[in-house]
Amino acid sequence: MADSARDIENLLYTYAERIDAGDLDGVAELFTHGRILGQENGPPETVFTGRDGVRALYEMTTRIYEDTGTPKTKHLTTNARIEVDEDAGTATARTSYLVTQATDALPLQVIVTGHYHDTFHRIDGRWWFQDRTMFVDQTGDLSHHLTF
């Protein structure tokens, strides 16, 4: 029998691995049936829906370095609290994140911490992100990570 909580936990980690690899298409694929909310109850311009919307979000905000094809970051996702409703095929998760970065001009350091509130739905036996709301708790030097 499948372990839905473990599948969802792996989905959380897959997101982190793909963003650190600079795989923006792979990140966007995780939201094929979902969306990212840049702020809780935010206006429409802070909501990025589906593969194309999420790809556009990361394309316009994330600095990718030519020498590695990555953002030179490490996203660490921790403290996952996952609740699954197997009968409904839905789940929620609350996690914390910490992002480090090092570039030729920036020594290794924490650049941002925060937390995610995620909802998931199961489609044809596979778990997908439904909604991801991002919360920023602390920021450091984001000038080497973001394009703005």
N, C-alpha and C. Protein backbone atom coordinates (compact mmCIF):
# COMPACT_ATOMS: atom_id res chain seq x y z
N MET A 1 0.84 -1.18 0.00
CA MET A 1 0.00 0.00 0.00
C MET A 1 0.88 1.25 0.00
N ALA A 2 0.50 2.21 -0.78
CA ALA A 2 1.26 3.45 -0.90
C ALA A 2 1.19 4.24 0.40
N ASP A 3 2.26 4.94 0.70
CA ASP A 3 2.32 5.81 1.86
C ASP A 3 2.18 7.25 1.37
N SER A 4 0.97 7.78 1.42
CA SER A 4 0.70 9.10 0.85
C SER A 4 1.52 10.19 1.51
N ALA A 5 1.66 10.14 2.82
CA ALA A 5 2.45 11.18 3.50
C ALA A 5 3.89 11.17 3.00
N ARG A 6 4.46 9.99 2.80
CA ARG A 6 5.83 9.90 2.29
C ARG A 6 5.91 10.40 0.85
N ASP A 7 4.90 10.09 0.03
CA ASP A 7 4.87 10.58 -1.35
C ASP A 7 4.83 12.11 -1.37
N ILE A 8 4.05 12.69 -0.49
CA ILE A 8 3.95 14.15 -0.42
C ILE A 8 5.25 14.75 0.10
N GLU A 9 5.85 14.12 1.09
CA GLU A 9 7.15 14.59 1.59
C GLU A 9 8.17 14.58 0.46
N ASN A 10 8.19 13.53 -0.33
CA ASN A 10 9.10 13.46 -1.47
C ASN A 10 8.81 14.54 -2.50
N LEU A 11 7.54 14.88 -2.68
CA LEU A 11 7.17 15.97 -3.58
C LEU A 11 7.75 17.30 -3.08
N LEU A 12 7.69 17.53 -1.78
CA LEU A 12 8.27 18.74 -1.19
C LEU A 12 9.77 18.80 -1.47
N TYR A 13 10.45 17.67 -1.31
CA TYR A 13 11.90 17.63 -1.54
C TYR A 13 12.24 17.73 -3.03
N THR A 14 11.38 17.20 -3.88
CA THR A 14 11.60 17.30 -5.32
C THR A 14 11.59 18.76 -5.76
N TYR A 15 10.66 19.52 -5.22
CA TYR A 15 10.61 20.96 -5.51
C TYR A 15 11.97 21.60 -5.18
N ALA A 16 12.48 21.34 -3.97
CA ALA A 16 13.75 21.94 -3.55
C ALA A 16 14.90 21.51 -4.47
N GLU A 17 14.96 20.24 -4.79
CA GLU A 17 16.03 19.74 -5.67
C GLU A 17 15.96 20.40 -7.04
N ARG A 18 14.77 20.51 -7.59
CA ARG A 18 14.65 21.07 -8.94
C ARG A 18 14.99 22.55 -8.98
N ILE A 19 14.56 23.32 -8.00
CA ILE A 19 14.89 24.74 -8.02
C ILE A 19 16.39 24.93 -7.87
N ASP A 20 17.03 24.14 -7.00
CA ASP A 20 18.48 24.27 -6.82
C ASP A 20 19.25 23.83 -8.06
N ALA A 21 18.69 22.93 -8.84
CA ALA A 21 19.32 22.48 -10.07
C ALA A 21 19.10 23.46 -11.23
N GLY A 22 18.28 24.49 -10.99
CA GLY A 22 17.96 25.43 -12.07
C GLY A 22 16.97 24.85 -13.05
N ASP A 23 16.29 23.80 -12.67
CA ASP A 23 15.31 23.11 -13.53
C ASP A 23 13.95 23.79 -13.39
N LEU A 24 13.82 24.96 -13.99
CA LEU A 24 12.57 25.72 -13.88
C LEU A 24 11.40 25.00 -14.54
N ASP A 25 11.67 24.29 -15.63
CA ASP A 25 10.60 23.50 -16.25
C ASP A 25 10.14 22.38 -15.31
N GLY A 26 11.09 21.76 -14.64
CA GLY A 26 10.75 20.70 -13.69
C GLY A 26 9.96 21.22 -12.50
N VAL A 27 10.33 22.39 -12.00
CA VAL A 27 9.56 23.01 -10.91
C VAL A 27 8.14 23.28 -11.39
N ALA A 28 8.03 23.88 -12.55
CA ALA A 28 6.71 24.23 -13.10
C ALA A 28 5.85 22.99 -13.30
N GLU A 29 6.47 21.88 -13.70
CA GLU A 29 5.72 20.65 -13.93
C GLU A 29 5.00 20.18 -12.67
N LEU A 30 5.59 20.43 -11.50
CA LEU A 30 4.99 20.03 -10.24
C LEU A 30 3.67 20.74 -9.97
N PHE A 31 3.46 21.87 -10.65
CA PHE A 31 2.26 22.68 -10.47
C PHE A 31 1.33 22.61 -11.68
N THR A 32 1.44 21.54 -12.45
CA THR A 32 0.59 21.35 -13.62
C THR A 32 -0.88 21.50 -13.26
N HIS A 33 -1.26 21.00 -12.08
CA HIS A 33 -2.65 21.05 -11.62
C HIS A 33 -2.77 21.95 -10.39
N GLY A 34 -1.91 22.95 -10.28
CA GLY A 34 -1.90 23.77 -9.08
C GLY A 34 -1.47 25.18 -9.34
N ARG A 35 -1.13 25.86 -8.25
CA ARG A 35 -0.74 27.26 -8.35
C ARG A 35 0.11 27.65 -7.16
N ILE A 36 0.86 28.73 -7.34
CA ILE A 36 1.64 29.34 -6.27
C ILE A 36 1.00 30.68 -5.95
N LEU A 37 0.79 30.90 -4.67
CA LEU A 37 0.28 32.17 -4.20
C LEU A 37 1.44 32.91 -3.55
N GLY A 38 1.81 34.02 -4.14
CA GLY A 38 2.95 34.79 -3.64
C GLY A 38 2.68 35.44 -2.30
N GLN A 39 1.41 35.63 -1.98
CA GLN A 39 1.05 36.13 -0.67
C GLN A 39 -0.35 35.65 -0.32
N GLU A 40 -0.58 35.43 0.95
CA GLU A 40 -1.86 34.93 1.40
C GLU A 40 -2.95 35.95 1.09
N ASN A 41 -4.01 35.49 0.45
CA ASN A 41 -5.14 36.36 0.08
C ASN A 41 -4.71 37.56 -0.75
N GLY A 42 -3.66 37.36 -1.56
CA GLY A 42 -3.12 38.45 -2.36
C GLY A 42 -3.95 38.72 -3.60
N PRO A 43 -3.65 39.82 -4.26
CA PRO A 43 -4.35 40.17 -5.49
C PRO A 43 -3.99 39.21 -6.61
N PRO A 44 -4.77 39.22 -7.69
CA PRO A 44 -4.55 38.26 -8.79
C PRO A 44 -3.13 38.24 -9.35
N GLU A 45 -2.46 39.37 -9.34
CA GLU A 45 -1.10 39.39 -9.91
C GLU A 45 -0.08 38.65 -9.05
N THR A 46 -0.47 38.18 -7.85
CA THR A 46 0.43 37.40 -7.01
C THR A 46 0.13 35.91 -7.07
N VAL A 47 -0.77 35.51 -7.99
CA VAL A 47 -1.16 34.11 -8.14
C VAL A 47 -0.65 33.61 -9.49
N PHE A 48 0.07 32.50 -9.46
CA PHE A 48 0.68 31.94 -10.66
C PHE A 48 0.15 30.52 -10.83
N THR A 49 -0.65 30.32 -11.88
CA THR A 49 -1.43 29.10 -12.03
C THR A 49 -0.89 28.21 -13.14
N GLY A 50 -0.82 26.91 -12.83
CA GLY A 50 -0.45 25.92 -13.82
C GLY A 50 1.02 25.98 -14.19
N ARG A 51 1.40 25.07 -15.04
CA ARG A 51 2.79 24.96 -15.48
C ARG A 51 3.31 26.27 -16.06
N ASP A 52 2.55 26.87 -16.95
CA ASP A 52 3.02 28.09 -17.61
C ASP A 52 3.13 29.27 -16.65
N GLY A 53 2.15 29.41 -15.77
CA GLY A 53 2.18 30.50 -14.81
C GLY A 53 3.33 30.39 -13.83
N VAL A 54 3.57 29.18 -13.33
CA VAL A 54 4.66 28.97 -12.39
C VAL A 54 6.01 29.13 -13.08
N ARG A 55 6.11 28.65 -14.30
CA ARG A 55 7.37 28.83 -15.06
C ARG A 55 7.66 30.31 -15.25
N ALA A 56 6.64 31.09 -15.57
CA ALA A 56 6.81 32.54 -15.75
C ALA A 56 7.26 33.21 -14.45
N LEU A 57 6.71 32.77 -13.33
CA LEU A 57 7.11 33.33 -12.02
C LEU A 57 8.60 33.16 -11.81
N TYR A 58 9.09 31.93 -11.97
CA TYR A 58 10.50 31.68 -11.71
C TYR A 58 11.41 32.29 -12.76
N GLU A 59 10.93 32.35 -13.98
CA GLU A 59 11.71 32.98 -15.06
C GLU A 59 11.94 34.47 -14.75
N MET A 60 10.93 35.13 -14.21
CA MET A 60 11.07 36.57 -13.98
C MET A 60 11.71 36.91 -12.64
N THR A 61 11.84 35.95 -11.72
CA THR A 61 12.35 36.30 -10.39
C THR A 61 13.68 35.66 -10.01
N THR A 62 14.01 34.52 -10.58
CA THR A 62 15.16 33.76 -10.12
C THR A 62 16.37 33.96 -11.04
N ARG A 63 17.46 34.39 -10.46
CA ARG A 63 18.70 34.57 -11.21
C ARG A 63 19.35 33.20 -11.43
N ILE A 64 19.56 32.86 -12.69
CA ILE A 64 20.24 31.62 -13.05
C ILE A 64 21.62 32.00 -13.59
N TYR A 65 22.65 31.38 -13.03
CA TYR A 65 24.03 31.70 -13.40
C TYR A 65 24.46 30.86 -14.60
N GLU A 66 25.04 31.53 -15.58
CA GLU A 66 25.42 30.85 -16.83
C GLU A 66 26.44 29.76 -16.62
N ASP A 67 27.38 29.95 -15.69
CA ASP A 67 28.46 28.96 -15.53
C ASP A 67 27.97 27.63 -14.97
N THR A 68 26.85 27.64 -14.23
CA THR A 68 26.35 26.38 -13.66
C THR A 68 24.93 26.05 -14.13
N GLY A 69 24.22 27.04 -14.66
CA GLY A 69 22.82 26.83 -15.04
C GLY A 69 21.91 26.69 -13.83
N THR A 70 22.40 27.14 -12.68
CA THR A 70 21.65 27.03 -11.43
C THR A 70 21.60 28.40 -10.75
N PRO A 71 20.75 28.52 -9.71
CA PRO A 71 20.75 29.76 -8.93
C PRO A 71 21.82 29.77 -7.84
N LYS A 72 22.63 28.72 -7.76
CA LYS A 72 23.69 28.57 -6.75
C LYS A 72 23.11 28.64 -5.34
N THR A 73 21.98 27.99 -5.17
CA THR A 73 21.31 27.96 -3.87
C THR A 73 21.20 26.53 -3.36
N LYS A 74 20.82 26.44 -2.09
CA LYS A 74 20.46 25.16 -1.48
C LYS A 74 19.21 25.43 -0.65
N HIS A 75 18.09 24.86 -1.09
CA HIS A 75 16.82 24.98 -0.37
C HIS A 75 16.69 23.79 0.58
N LEU A 76 16.53 24.07 1.85
CA LEU A 76 16.35 23.04 2.86
C LEU A 76 14.92 23.14 3.37
N THR A 77 14.18 22.06 3.24
CA THR A 77 12.79 22.01 3.67
C THR A 77 12.73 21.11 4.90
N THR A 78 12.16 21.63 5.99
CA THR A 78 12.17 20.90 7.25
C THR A 78 10.82 20.98 7.95
N ASN A 79 10.72 20.24 9.06
CA ASN A 79 9.57 20.30 9.97
C ASN A 79 8.25 20.07 9.24
N ALA A 80 8.23 19.11 8.36
CA ALA A 80 7.02 18.83 7.58
C ALA A 80 5.94 18.22 8.47
N ARG A 81 4.81 18.87 8.50
CA ARG A 81 3.62 18.34 9.18
C ARG A 81 2.59 18.10 8.09
N ILE A 82 2.37 16.85 7.77
CA ILE A 82 1.52 16.47 6.64
C ILE A 82 0.29 15.76 7.18
N GLU A 83 -0.86 16.21 6.70
CA GLU A 83 -2.13 15.56 7.05
C GLU A 83 -2.81 15.14 5.76
N VAL A 84 -3.20 13.86 5.70
CA VAL A 84 -3.77 13.29 4.48
C VAL A 84 -5.20 12.84 4.74
N ASP A 85 -6.09 13.17 3.83
CA ASP A 85 -7.45 12.62 3.81
C ASP A 85 -7.49 11.66 2.62
N GLU A 86 -7.21 10.39 2.89
CA GLU A 86 -7.13 9.40 1.82
C GLU A 86 -8.43 9.30 1.03
N ASP A 87 -9.57 9.30 1.73
CA ASP A 87 -10.85 9.15 1.05
C ASP A 87 -11.13 10.30 0.09
N ALA A 88 -10.79 11.51 0.49
CA ALA A 88 -11.03 12.68 -0.36
C ALA A 88 -9.93 12.86 -1.40
N GLY A 89 -8.76 12.23 -1.18
CA GLY A 89 -7.64 12.42 -2.10
C GLY A 89 -7.04 13.81 -1.98
N THR A 90 -7.03 14.34 -0.74
CA THR A 90 -6.48 15.67 -0.49
C THR A 90 -5.52 15.59 0.70
N ALA A 91 -4.69 16.61 0.80
CA ALA A 91 -3.74 16.67 1.90
C ALA A 91 -3.30 18.11 2.12
N THR A 92 -2.75 18.35 3.30
CA THR A 92 -2.16 19.65 3.61
C THR A 92 -0.78 19.41 4.20
N ALA A 93 0.06 20.41 4.09
CA ALA A 93 1.38 20.36 4.71
C ALA A 93 1.79 21.76 5.12
N ARG A 94 2.47 21.80 6.23
CA ARG A 94 3.11 23.04 6.69
C ARG A 94 4.57 22.69 6.90
N THR A 95 5.43 23.45 6.26
CA THR A 95 6.87 23.19 6.34
C THR A 95 7.62 24.49 6.52
N SER A 96 8.84 24.37 6.99
CA SER A 96 9.75 25.50 7.08
C SER A 96 10.80 25.35 5.98
N TYR A 97 11.34 26.48 5.54
CA TYR A 97 12.43 26.41 4.58
C TYR A 97 13.54 27.38 4.97
N LEU A 98 14.72 27.05 4.52
CA LEU A 98 15.91 27.87 4.70
C LEU A 98 16.68 27.77 3.39
N VAL A 99 17.12 28.89 2.86
CA VAL A 99 17.85 28.90 1.60
C VAL A 99 19.23 29.50 1.83
N THR A 100 20.25 28.75 1.44
CA THR A 100 21.61 29.28 1.46
C THR A 100 22.05 29.56 0.03
N GLN A 101 23.06 30.40 -0.08
CA GLN A 101 23.61 30.70 -1.40
C GLN A 101 25.07 31.08 -1.26
N ALA A 102 25.83 30.74 -2.29
CA ALA A 102 27.22 31.17 -2.41
C ALA A 102 27.50 31.40 -3.89
N THR A 103 28.07 32.55 -4.21
CA THR A 103 28.47 32.86 -5.58
C THR A 103 29.92 33.36 -5.54
N ASP A 104 30.46 33.67 -6.69
CA ASP A 104 31.83 34.21 -6.71
C ASP A 104 31.92 35.51 -5.90
N ALA A 105 30.83 36.27 -5.85
CA ALA A 105 30.82 37.56 -5.16
C ALA A 105 30.13 37.52 -3.80
N LEU A 106 29.55 36.39 -3.44
CA LEU A 106 28.79 36.29 -2.19
C LEU A 106 29.26 35.06 -1.43
N PRO A 107 29.84 35.25 -0.24
CA PRO A 107 30.24 34.07 0.53
C PRO A 107 29.02 33.29 1.00
N LEU A 108 29.22 32.03 1.29
CA LEU A 108 28.14 31.16 1.72
C LEU A 108 27.41 31.78 2.90
N GLN A 109 26.07 31.88 2.76
CA GLN A 109 25.25 32.45 3.82
C GLN A 109 23.79 32.10 3.63
N VAL A 110 23.03 32.25 4.72
CA VAL A 110 21.58 32.11 4.65
C VAL A 110 21.03 33.39 4.02
N ILE A 111 20.21 33.22 2.98
CA ILE A 111 19.65 34.40 2.32
C ILE A 111 18.17 34.61 2.63
N VAL A 112 17.47 33.55 3.03
CA VAL A 112 16.06 33.71 3.37
C VAL A 112 15.59 32.49 4.17
N THR A 113 14.67 32.74 5.10
CA THR A 113 13.97 31.66 5.79
C THR A 113 12.49 31.97 5.73
N GLY A 114 11.69 30.94 5.85
CA GLY A 114 10.25 31.15 5.83
C GLY A 114 9.52 29.84 6.02
N HIS A 115 8.27 29.86 5.59
CA HIS A 115 7.46 28.64 5.69
C HIS A 115 6.47 28.59 4.54
N TYR A 116 6.04 27.37 4.25
CA TYR A 116 5.06 27.12 3.20
C TYR A 116 3.79 26.56 3.83
N HIS A 117 2.67 26.95 3.29
CA HIS A 117 1.39 26.29 3.55
C HIS A 117 0.98 25.69 2.21
N ASP A 118 0.91 24.38 2.15
CA ASP A 118 0.62 23.68 0.90
C ASP A 118 -0.65 22.86 1.02
N THR A 119 -1.36 22.78 -0.09
CA THR A 119 -2.44 21.81 -0.23
C THR A 119 -2.12 20.96 -1.45
N PHE A 120 -2.60 19.72 -1.42
CA PHE A 120 -2.31 18.75 -2.46
C PHE A 120 -3.59 18.04 -2.85
N HIS A 121 -3.60 17.52 -4.07
CA HIS A 121 -4.69 16.65 -4.48
C HIS A 121 -4.11 15.49 -5.29
N ARG A 122 -4.81 14.38 -5.21
CA ARG A 122 -4.38 13.17 -5.90
C ARG A 122 -5.17 13.07 -7.20
N ILE A 123 -4.44 12.93 -8.29
CA ILE A 123 -5.05 12.77 -9.60
C ILE A 123 -4.48 11.51 -10.22
N ASP A 124 -5.34 10.58 -10.58
CA ASP A 124 -4.91 9.32 -11.19
C ASP A 124 -3.80 8.64 -10.39
N GLY A 125 -3.94 8.66 -9.06
CA GLY A 125 -3.00 7.97 -8.19
C GLY A 125 -1.73 8.73 -7.87
N ARG A 126 -1.57 9.94 -8.40
CA ARG A 126 -0.35 10.71 -8.16
C ARG A 126 -0.70 11.98 -7.39
N TRP A 127 0.14 12.33 -6.43
CA TRP A 127 -0.05 13.56 -5.66
C TRP A 127 0.55 14.75 -6.40
N TRP A 128 -0.20 15.85 -6.40
CA TRP A 128 0.20 17.09 -7.05
C TRP A 128 0.02 18.25 -6.07
N PHE A 129 0.84 19.28 -6.23
CA PHE A 129 0.57 20.52 -5.53
C PHE A 129 -0.76 21.07 -6.03
N GLN A 130 -1.58 21.54 -5.12
CA GLN A 130 -2.79 22.27 -5.48
C GLN A 130 -2.51 23.76 -5.26
N ASP A 131 -2.18 24.13 -4.04
CA ASP A 131 -1.82 25.52 -3.71
C ASP A 131 -0.56 25.52 -2.86
N ARG A 132 0.35 26.41 -3.17
CA ARG A 132 1.50 26.67 -2.31
C ARG A 132 1.49 28.16 -1.99
N THR A 133 1.36 28.47 -0.71
CA THR A 133 1.48 29.85 -0.26
C THR A 133 2.83 29.99 0.41
N MET A 134 3.59 30.99 -0.04
CA MET A 134 4.94 31.21 0.46
C MET A 134 4.92 32.36 1.46
N PHE A 135 5.57 32.13 2.60
CA PHE A 135 5.71 33.14 3.63
C PHE A 135 7.19 33.36 3.88
N VAL A 136 7.63 34.60 3.90
CA VAL A 136 9.01 34.94 4.19
C VAL A 136 9.07 35.40 5.64
N ASP A 137 9.94 34.75 6.42
CA ASP A 137 10.09 35.11 7.82
C ASP A 137 11.30 36.02 8.06
N GLN A 138 12.41 35.72 7.40
CA GLN A 138 13.64 36.50 7.57
C GLN A 138 14.34 36.58 6.22
N THR A 139 15.00 37.70 5.98
CA THR A 139 15.76 37.84 4.74
C THR A 139 17.18 38.30 5.05
N GLY A 140 18.08 37.83 4.22
CA GLY A 140 19.46 38.27 4.22
C GLY A 140 19.70 38.97 2.88
N ASP A 141 20.86 38.75 2.31
CA ASP A 141 21.23 39.37 1.04
C ASP A 141 20.64 38.56 -0.12
N LEU A 142 19.54 39.04 -0.66
CA LEU A 142 18.88 38.38 -1.79
C LEU A 142 19.31 38.93 -3.14
N SER A 143 20.24 39.86 -3.16
CA SER A 143 20.62 40.52 -4.40
C SER A 143 21.27 39.60 -5.42
N HIS A 144 21.80 38.47 -4.99
CA HIS A 144 22.43 37.53 -5.91
C HIS A 144 21.47 36.41 -6.33
N HIS A 145 20.29 36.41 -5.72
CA HIS A 145 19.31 35.35 -5.99
C HIS A 145 18.15 35.83 -6.84
N LEU A 146 17.63 36.99 -6.52
CA LEU A 146 16.45 37.51 -7.23
C LEU A 146 16.86 38.47 -8.33
N THR A 147 16.04 38.58 -9.33
CA THR A 147 16.35 39.45 -10.47
C THR A 147 15.87 40.88 -10.26
N PHE A 148 15.25 41.13 -9.15
CA PHE A 148 14.74 42.50 -8.90
C PHE A 148 15.33 43.06 -7.62
